[in-house]
Amino acid sequence: MRTCRFYGSVSPGPNSHFFTVGDADCAALKNLQKMPRPTTKQQWNFEGYSFPMNVPRKNADGSFSCPQASVPVYRAYNRAFADNGAKNAWDSNHRYSANQQDIAEVVALGWADEGVAMCAPA
């Protein structure tokens, strides 16, 4: 599967990339995008499809894992948008890593652990 790649509006933000292999995530973000790109609205802008990744499988306990011959890629989110929709002073941002310790470090700083986001071919 190809990874959907989005980039946030530089101004007013979120000045960051977001990647997903989830068909529902990709479609939902594409549907929210306004064209032509407004200069006053924060949104994720679809840039295209990027590198190949595998979709993680959902386990019986609700966690996600990767098929054989692939490596989990974990994602953390900086919680720039609160559950109530309020925006914090910083741009929305994600961190991706195949090393769980990298994710644990930013989670310790208050980021949300989003678990296995995709699976890289080994």
N, C-alpha and C. Protein backbone atom coordinates (compact mmCIF):
# COMPACT_ATOMS: atom_id res chain seq x y z
N MET A 1 0.84 -1.17 0.00
CA MET A 1 0.00 0.00 0.00
C MET A 1 0.89 1.24 0.00
N ARG A 2 0.45 2.26 -0.69
CA ARG A 2 1.18 3.52 -0.70
C ARG A 2 0.71 4.39 0.46
N THR A 3 1.63 5.14 1.00
CA THR A 3 1.33 6.01 2.12
C THR A 3 0.76 7.34 1.62
N CYS A 4 -0.36 7.77 2.21
CA CYS A 4 -0.91 9.09 1.90
C CYS A 4 -0.06 10.13 2.61
N ARG A 5 0.35 11.15 1.86
CA ARG A 5 1.19 12.21 2.42
C ARG A 5 0.43 13.53 2.39
N PHE A 6 0.36 14.19 3.53
CA PHE A 6 -0.29 15.49 3.65
C PHE A 6 0.71 16.49 4.21
N TYR A 7 0.53 17.74 3.82
CA TYR A 7 1.33 18.81 4.41
C TYR A 7 0.38 19.90 4.86
N GLY A 8 0.58 20.36 6.06
CA GLY A 8 -0.26 21.42 6.59
C GLY A 8 0.06 22.75 5.93
N SER A 9 -0.91 23.62 5.88
CA SER A 9 -0.69 24.96 5.34
C SER A 9 0.45 25.62 6.11
N VAL A 10 1.40 26.21 5.39
CA VAL A 10 2.54 26.85 6.04
C VAL A 10 2.04 27.98 6.95
N SER A 11 1.13 28.75 6.44
CA SER A 11 0.52 29.81 7.25
C SER A 11 -0.99 29.73 7.01
N PRO A 12 -1.78 29.52 8.00
CA PRO A 12 -1.55 29.62 9.43
C PRO A 12 -1.16 28.30 10.09
N GLY A 13 -0.80 27.29 9.35
CA GLY A 13 -0.39 26.01 9.92
C GLY A 13 -1.40 24.93 9.62
N PRO A 14 -1.18 23.74 10.02
CA PRO A 14 -0.02 23.22 10.78
C PRO A 14 1.17 23.00 9.85
N ASN A 15 2.26 23.65 10.07
CA ASN A 15 3.43 23.61 9.22
C ASN A 15 4.18 22.30 9.47
N SER A 16 3.62 21.19 8.97
CA SER A 16 4.13 19.86 9.28
C SER A 16 3.60 18.85 8.28
N HIS A 17 4.24 17.69 8.20
CA HIS A 17 3.74 16.58 7.39
C HIS A 17 2.93 15.62 8.26
N PHE A 18 2.01 14.91 7.62
CA PHE A 18 1.27 13.82 8.26
C PHE A 18 1.20 12.68 7.25
N PHE A 19 1.49 11.47 7.72
CA PHE A 19 1.47 10.28 6.88
C PHE A 19 0.49 9.26 7.46
N THR A 20 -0.24 8.58 6.58
CA THR A 20 -1.14 7.52 7.02
C THR A 20 -1.27 6.46 5.94
N VAL A 21 -1.46 5.22 6.37
CA VAL A 21 -1.77 4.14 5.43
C VAL A 21 -3.23 3.75 5.55
N GLY A 22 -3.95 4.39 6.45
CA GLY A 22 -5.36 4.09 6.65
C GLY A 22 -6.22 4.72 5.55
N ASP A 23 -6.94 3.90 4.82
CA ASP A 23 -7.81 4.42 3.76
C ASP A 23 -8.82 5.42 4.30
N ALA A 24 -9.39 5.13 5.48
CA ALA A 24 -10.40 6.02 6.06
C ALA A 24 -9.76 7.36 6.46
N ASP A 25 -8.56 7.33 7.08
CA ASP A 25 -7.86 8.56 7.44
C ASP A 25 -7.57 9.39 6.19
N CYS A 26 -7.06 8.74 5.17
CA CYS A 26 -6.70 9.44 3.94
C CYS A 26 -7.93 10.09 3.32
N ALA A 27 -9.00 9.33 3.19
CA ALA A 27 -10.22 9.86 2.58
C ALA A 27 -10.82 11.00 3.41
N ALA A 28 -10.83 10.85 4.73
CA ALA A 28 -11.40 11.88 5.59
C ALA A 28 -10.64 13.20 5.47
N LEU A 29 -9.30 13.13 5.47
CA LEU A 29 -8.52 14.35 5.35
C LEU A 29 -8.66 14.98 3.96
N LYS A 30 -8.74 14.15 2.94
CA LYS A 30 -8.97 14.68 1.58
C LYS A 30 -10.32 15.40 1.51
N ASN A 31 -11.34 14.82 2.14
CA ASN A 31 -12.68 15.42 2.10
C ASN A 31 -12.75 16.74 2.86
N LEU A 32 -11.90 16.94 3.87
CA LEU A 32 -11.88 18.17 4.64
C LEU A 32 -11.14 19.31 3.93
N GLN A 33 -10.32 18.93 2.96
CA GLN A 33 -9.49 19.93 2.29
C GLN A 33 -10.32 20.86 1.42
N LYS A 34 -10.11 22.14 1.59
CA LYS A 34 -10.79 23.17 0.79
C LYS A 34 -9.88 23.58 -0.36
N MET A 35 -10.46 23.74 -1.53
CA MET A 35 -9.71 24.19 -2.71
C MET A 35 -10.44 25.36 -3.33
N PRO A 36 -9.78 26.38 -3.81
CA PRO A 36 -8.33 26.55 -3.69
C PRO A 36 -7.93 26.70 -2.23
N ARG A 37 -6.67 26.42 -1.94
CA ARG A 37 -6.19 26.44 -0.56
C ARG A 37 -6.34 27.82 0.06
N PRO A 38 -7.16 27.91 1.09
CA PRO A 38 -7.33 29.22 1.74
C PRO A 38 -6.09 29.59 2.55
N THR A 39 -5.77 30.86 2.57
CA THR A 39 -4.58 31.32 3.30
C THR A 39 -4.88 31.58 4.77
N THR A 40 -6.16 31.53 5.14
CA THR A 40 -6.52 31.83 6.53
C THR A 40 -7.04 30.60 7.28
N LYS A 41 -7.08 29.44 6.64
CA LYS A 41 -7.64 28.24 7.26
C LYS A 41 -6.56 27.19 7.45
N GLN A 42 -6.50 26.64 8.67
CA GLN A 42 -5.58 25.53 8.91
C GLN A 42 -6.18 24.28 8.31
N GLN A 43 -5.37 23.57 7.54
CA GLN A 43 -5.84 22.31 6.98
C GLN A 43 -4.65 21.46 6.54
N TRP A 44 -4.92 20.17 6.40
CA TRP A 44 -3.95 19.24 5.82
C TRP A 44 -4.21 19.21 4.32
N ASN A 45 -3.16 19.39 3.53
CA ASN A 45 -3.26 19.41 2.08
C ASN A 45 -2.66 18.13 1.51
N PHE A 46 -3.44 17.41 0.73
CA PHE A 46 -2.98 16.15 0.13
C PHE A 46 -1.89 16.46 -0.88
N GLU A 47 -0.71 15.83 -0.69
CA GLU A 47 0.41 16.02 -1.61
C GLU A 47 0.56 14.86 -2.57
N GLY A 48 0.00 13.71 -2.21
CA GLY A 48 0.13 12.55 -3.08
C GLY A 48 0.43 11.31 -2.27
N TYR A 49 0.87 10.30 -2.98
CA TYR A 49 1.22 9.03 -2.35
C TYR A 49 2.73 8.91 -2.30
N SER A 50 3.22 8.42 -1.18
CA SER A 50 4.67 8.33 -0.97
C SER A 50 5.14 6.89 -0.99
N PHE A 51 5.98 6.58 -0.07
CA PHE A 51 6.67 5.31 0.05
C PHE A 51 5.70 4.17 0.40
N PRO A 52 6.05 2.95 -0.01
CA PRO A 52 5.18 1.80 0.31
C PRO A 52 5.31 1.39 1.77
N MET A 53 4.19 1.09 2.38
CA MET A 53 4.13 0.59 3.76
C MET A 53 3.01 -0.43 3.83
N ASN A 54 3.09 -1.30 4.82
CA ASN A 54 2.02 -2.26 5.07
C ASN A 54 1.07 -1.69 6.12
N VAL A 55 -0.17 -2.11 6.04
CA VAL A 55 -1.18 -1.70 7.00
C VAL A 55 -1.07 -2.61 8.22
N PRO A 56 -1.02 -2.05 9.44
CA PRO A 56 -0.98 -2.91 10.63
C PRO A 56 -2.30 -3.64 10.81
N ARG A 57 -2.22 -4.82 11.40
CA ARG A 57 -3.46 -5.59 11.64
C ARG A 57 -3.90 -5.37 13.08
N LYS A 58 -5.20 -5.34 13.26
CA LYS A 58 -5.77 -5.15 14.59
C LYS A 58 -5.85 -6.51 15.28
N ASN A 59 -5.33 -6.57 16.50
CA ASN A 59 -5.34 -7.80 17.29
C ASN A 59 -6.62 -7.88 18.12
N ALA A 60 -6.89 -9.03 18.68
CA ALA A 60 -8.11 -9.26 19.46
C ALA A 60 -8.20 -8.31 20.66
N ASP A 61 -7.05 -7.89 21.21
CA ASP A 61 -7.06 -7.00 22.38
C ASP A 61 -7.15 -5.52 22.00
N GLY A 62 -7.29 -5.24 20.69
CA GLY A 62 -7.41 -3.86 20.23
C GLY A 62 -6.09 -3.21 19.85
N SER A 63 -4.98 -3.86 20.17
CA SER A 63 -3.67 -3.33 19.78
C SER A 63 -3.42 -3.63 18.30
N PHE A 64 -2.35 -3.08 17.75
CA PHE A 64 -2.01 -3.32 16.36
C PHE A 64 -0.62 -3.93 16.27
N SER A 65 -0.42 -4.79 15.26
CA SER A 65 0.88 -5.39 15.03
C SER A 65 1.11 -5.50 13.53
N CYS A 66 2.32 -5.86 13.18
CA CYS A 66 2.70 -5.92 11.77
C CYS A 66 2.84 -7.36 11.29
N PRO A 67 2.57 -7.57 10.01
CA PRO A 67 2.75 -8.91 9.45
C PRO A 67 4.23 -9.28 9.41
N GLN A 68 4.51 -10.56 9.21
CA GLN A 68 5.89 -11.02 9.11
C GLN A 68 6.61 -10.24 8.00
N ALA A 69 7.90 -10.14 8.14
CA ALA A 69 8.77 -9.45 7.17
C ALA A 69 8.46 -7.95 7.10
N SER A 70 7.98 -7.40 8.20
CA SER A 70 7.80 -5.95 8.27
C SER A 70 8.12 -5.48 9.69
N VAL A 71 8.40 -4.20 9.80
CA VAL A 71 8.82 -3.58 11.06
C VAL A 71 7.79 -2.53 11.46
N PRO A 72 7.33 -2.54 12.72
CA PRO A 72 6.37 -1.52 13.13
C PRO A 72 6.97 -0.11 13.12
N VAL A 73 6.19 0.83 12.65
CA VAL A 73 6.54 2.24 12.72
C VAL A 73 5.52 2.88 13.65
N TYR A 74 6.02 3.43 14.75
CA TYR A 74 5.16 4.01 15.78
C TYR A 74 4.97 5.51 15.51
N ARG A 75 3.85 6.04 15.98
CA ARG A 75 3.56 7.46 15.78
C ARG A 75 3.14 8.08 17.12
N ALA A 76 3.64 9.30 17.36
CA ALA A 76 3.25 10.08 18.53
C ALA A 76 2.74 11.43 18.04
N TYR A 77 1.81 12.00 18.79
CA TYR A 77 1.19 13.27 18.43
C TYR A 77 1.38 14.28 19.56
N ASN A 78 1.70 15.53 19.22
CA ASN A 78 2.01 16.54 20.25
C ASN A 78 0.79 17.18 20.90
N ARG A 79 -0.39 16.71 20.59
CA ARG A 79 -1.64 17.19 21.20
C ARG A 79 -1.88 18.69 21.00
N ALA A 80 -1.53 19.20 19.83
CA ALA A 80 -1.71 20.63 19.58
C ALA A 80 -3.19 21.01 19.56
N PHE A 81 -4.05 20.07 19.24
CA PHE A 81 -5.48 20.33 19.28
C PHE A 81 -6.08 19.49 20.40
N ALA A 82 -6.66 20.14 21.36
CA ALA A 82 -7.29 19.43 22.48
C ALA A 82 -8.56 18.74 22.01
N ASP A 83 -9.03 17.77 22.79
CA ASP A 83 -10.26 17.04 22.44
C ASP A 83 -11.45 17.98 22.27
N ASN A 84 -11.43 19.12 22.95
CA ASN A 84 -12.54 20.07 22.84
C ASN A 84 -12.40 21.00 21.64
N GLY A 85 -11.35 20.80 20.83
CA GLY A 85 -11.16 21.60 19.62
C GLY A 85 -10.31 22.84 19.81
N ALA A 86 -9.94 23.15 21.05
CA ALA A 86 -9.11 24.32 21.31
C ALA A 86 -7.69 24.08 20.79
N LYS A 87 -7.10 25.11 20.19
CA LYS A 87 -5.75 24.99 19.66
C LYS A 87 -4.74 25.52 20.66
N ASN A 88 -3.68 24.77 20.85
CA ASN A 88 -2.58 25.23 21.68
C ASN A 88 -1.72 26.21 20.87
N ALA A 89 -0.71 26.76 21.49
CA ALA A 89 0.10 27.78 20.85
C ALA A 89 1.06 27.23 19.79
N TRP A 90 1.19 25.95 19.68
CA TRP A 90 2.13 25.37 18.72
C TRP A 90 1.37 24.61 17.63
N ASP A 91 2.05 24.36 16.51
CA ASP A 91 1.45 23.63 15.40
C ASP A 91 1.30 22.15 15.71
N SER A 92 0.31 21.56 15.09
CA SER A 92 0.10 20.12 15.18
C SER A 92 1.30 19.42 14.57
N ASN A 93 1.80 18.39 15.25
CA ASN A 93 2.99 17.70 14.76
C ASN A 93 2.97 16.24 15.20
N HIS A 94 3.58 15.40 14.40
CA HIS A 94 3.70 13.97 14.68
C HIS A 94 5.16 13.57 14.61
N ARG A 95 5.51 12.54 15.33
CA ARG A 95 6.83 11.92 15.26
C ARG A 95 6.62 10.46 14.88
N TYR A 96 7.49 9.96 14.01
CA TYR A 96 7.42 8.59 13.53
C TYR A 96 8.76 7.93 13.83
N SER A 97 8.73 6.69 14.30
CA SER A 97 9.98 5.99 14.56
C SER A 97 9.73 4.49 14.63
N ALA A 98 10.70 3.73 14.16
CA ALA A 98 10.66 2.28 14.31
C ALA A 98 11.19 1.87 15.68
N ASN A 99 11.68 2.84 16.45
CA ASN A 99 12.24 2.59 17.78
C ASN A 99 11.23 3.07 18.83
N GLN A 100 10.68 2.14 19.59
CA GLN A 100 9.68 2.49 20.60
C GLN A 100 10.24 3.44 21.66
N GLN A 101 11.52 3.37 21.93
CA GLN A 101 12.13 4.25 22.93
C GLN A 101 12.05 5.71 22.48
N ASP A 102 12.21 5.96 21.18
CA ASP A 102 12.06 7.34 20.66
C ASP A 102 10.68 7.88 20.97
N ILE A 103 9.67 7.05 20.78
CA ILE A 103 8.30 7.46 21.04
C ILE A 103 8.08 7.65 22.55
N ALA A 104 8.63 6.75 23.36
CA ALA A 104 8.50 6.86 24.81
C ALA A 104 9.07 8.18 25.32
N GLU A 105 10.14 8.66 24.70
CA GLU A 105 10.76 9.92 25.14
C GLU A 105 9.82 11.10 24.93
N VAL A 106 9.14 11.17 23.78
CA VAL A 106 8.25 12.31 23.57
C VAL A 106 6.94 12.13 24.34
N VAL A 107 6.51 10.89 24.55
CA VAL A 107 5.31 10.64 25.36
C VAL A 107 5.57 11.12 26.79
N ALA A 108 6.78 10.93 27.29
CA ALA A 108 7.13 11.41 28.63
C ALA A 108 7.05 12.94 28.72
N LEU A 109 7.11 13.61 27.58
CA LEU A 109 7.00 15.07 27.53
C LEU A 109 5.55 15.53 27.32
N GLY A 110 4.63 14.57 27.28
CA GLY A 110 3.22 14.92 27.15
C GLY A 110 2.58 14.61 25.81
N TRP A 111 3.33 14.04 24.88
CA TRP A 111 2.78 13.68 23.58
C TRP A 111 1.88 12.46 23.73
N ALA A 112 0.97 12.25 22.79
CA ALA A 112 0.09 11.08 22.78
C ALA A 112 0.75 9.95 22.00
N ASP A 113 0.77 8.78 22.58
CA ASP A 113 1.29 7.59 21.90
C ASP A 113 0.18 7.03 21.02
N GLU A 114 0.34 7.09 19.71
CA GLU A 114 -0.67 6.60 18.78
C GLU A 114 -0.40 5.16 18.35
N GLY A 115 0.62 4.54 18.92
CA GLY A 115 0.90 3.13 18.65
C GLY A 115 1.45 2.88 17.27
N VAL A 116 1.21 1.67 16.76
CA VAL A 116 1.71 1.27 15.45
C VAL A 116 0.86 1.95 14.38
N ALA A 117 1.47 2.84 13.62
CA ALA A 117 0.76 3.59 12.59
C ALA A 117 0.87 2.93 11.23
N MET A 118 1.99 2.23 11.00
CA MET A 118 2.23 1.57 9.72
C MET A 118 3.34 0.56 9.91
N CYS A 119 3.56 -0.25 8.89
CA CYS A 119 4.56 -1.31 8.96
C CYS A 119 5.51 -1.20 7.76
N ALA A 120 6.78 -0.99 8.04
CA ALA A 120 7.79 -0.85 7.00
C ALA A 120 8.25 -2.23 6.51
N PRO A 121 8.38 -2.40 5.21
CA PRO A 121 8.92 -3.67 4.72
C PRO A 121 10.31 -3.89 5.29
N ALA A 122 10.60 -5.12 5.75
CA ALA A 122 11.90 -5.42 6.37
C ALA A 122 12.94 -5.67 5.31
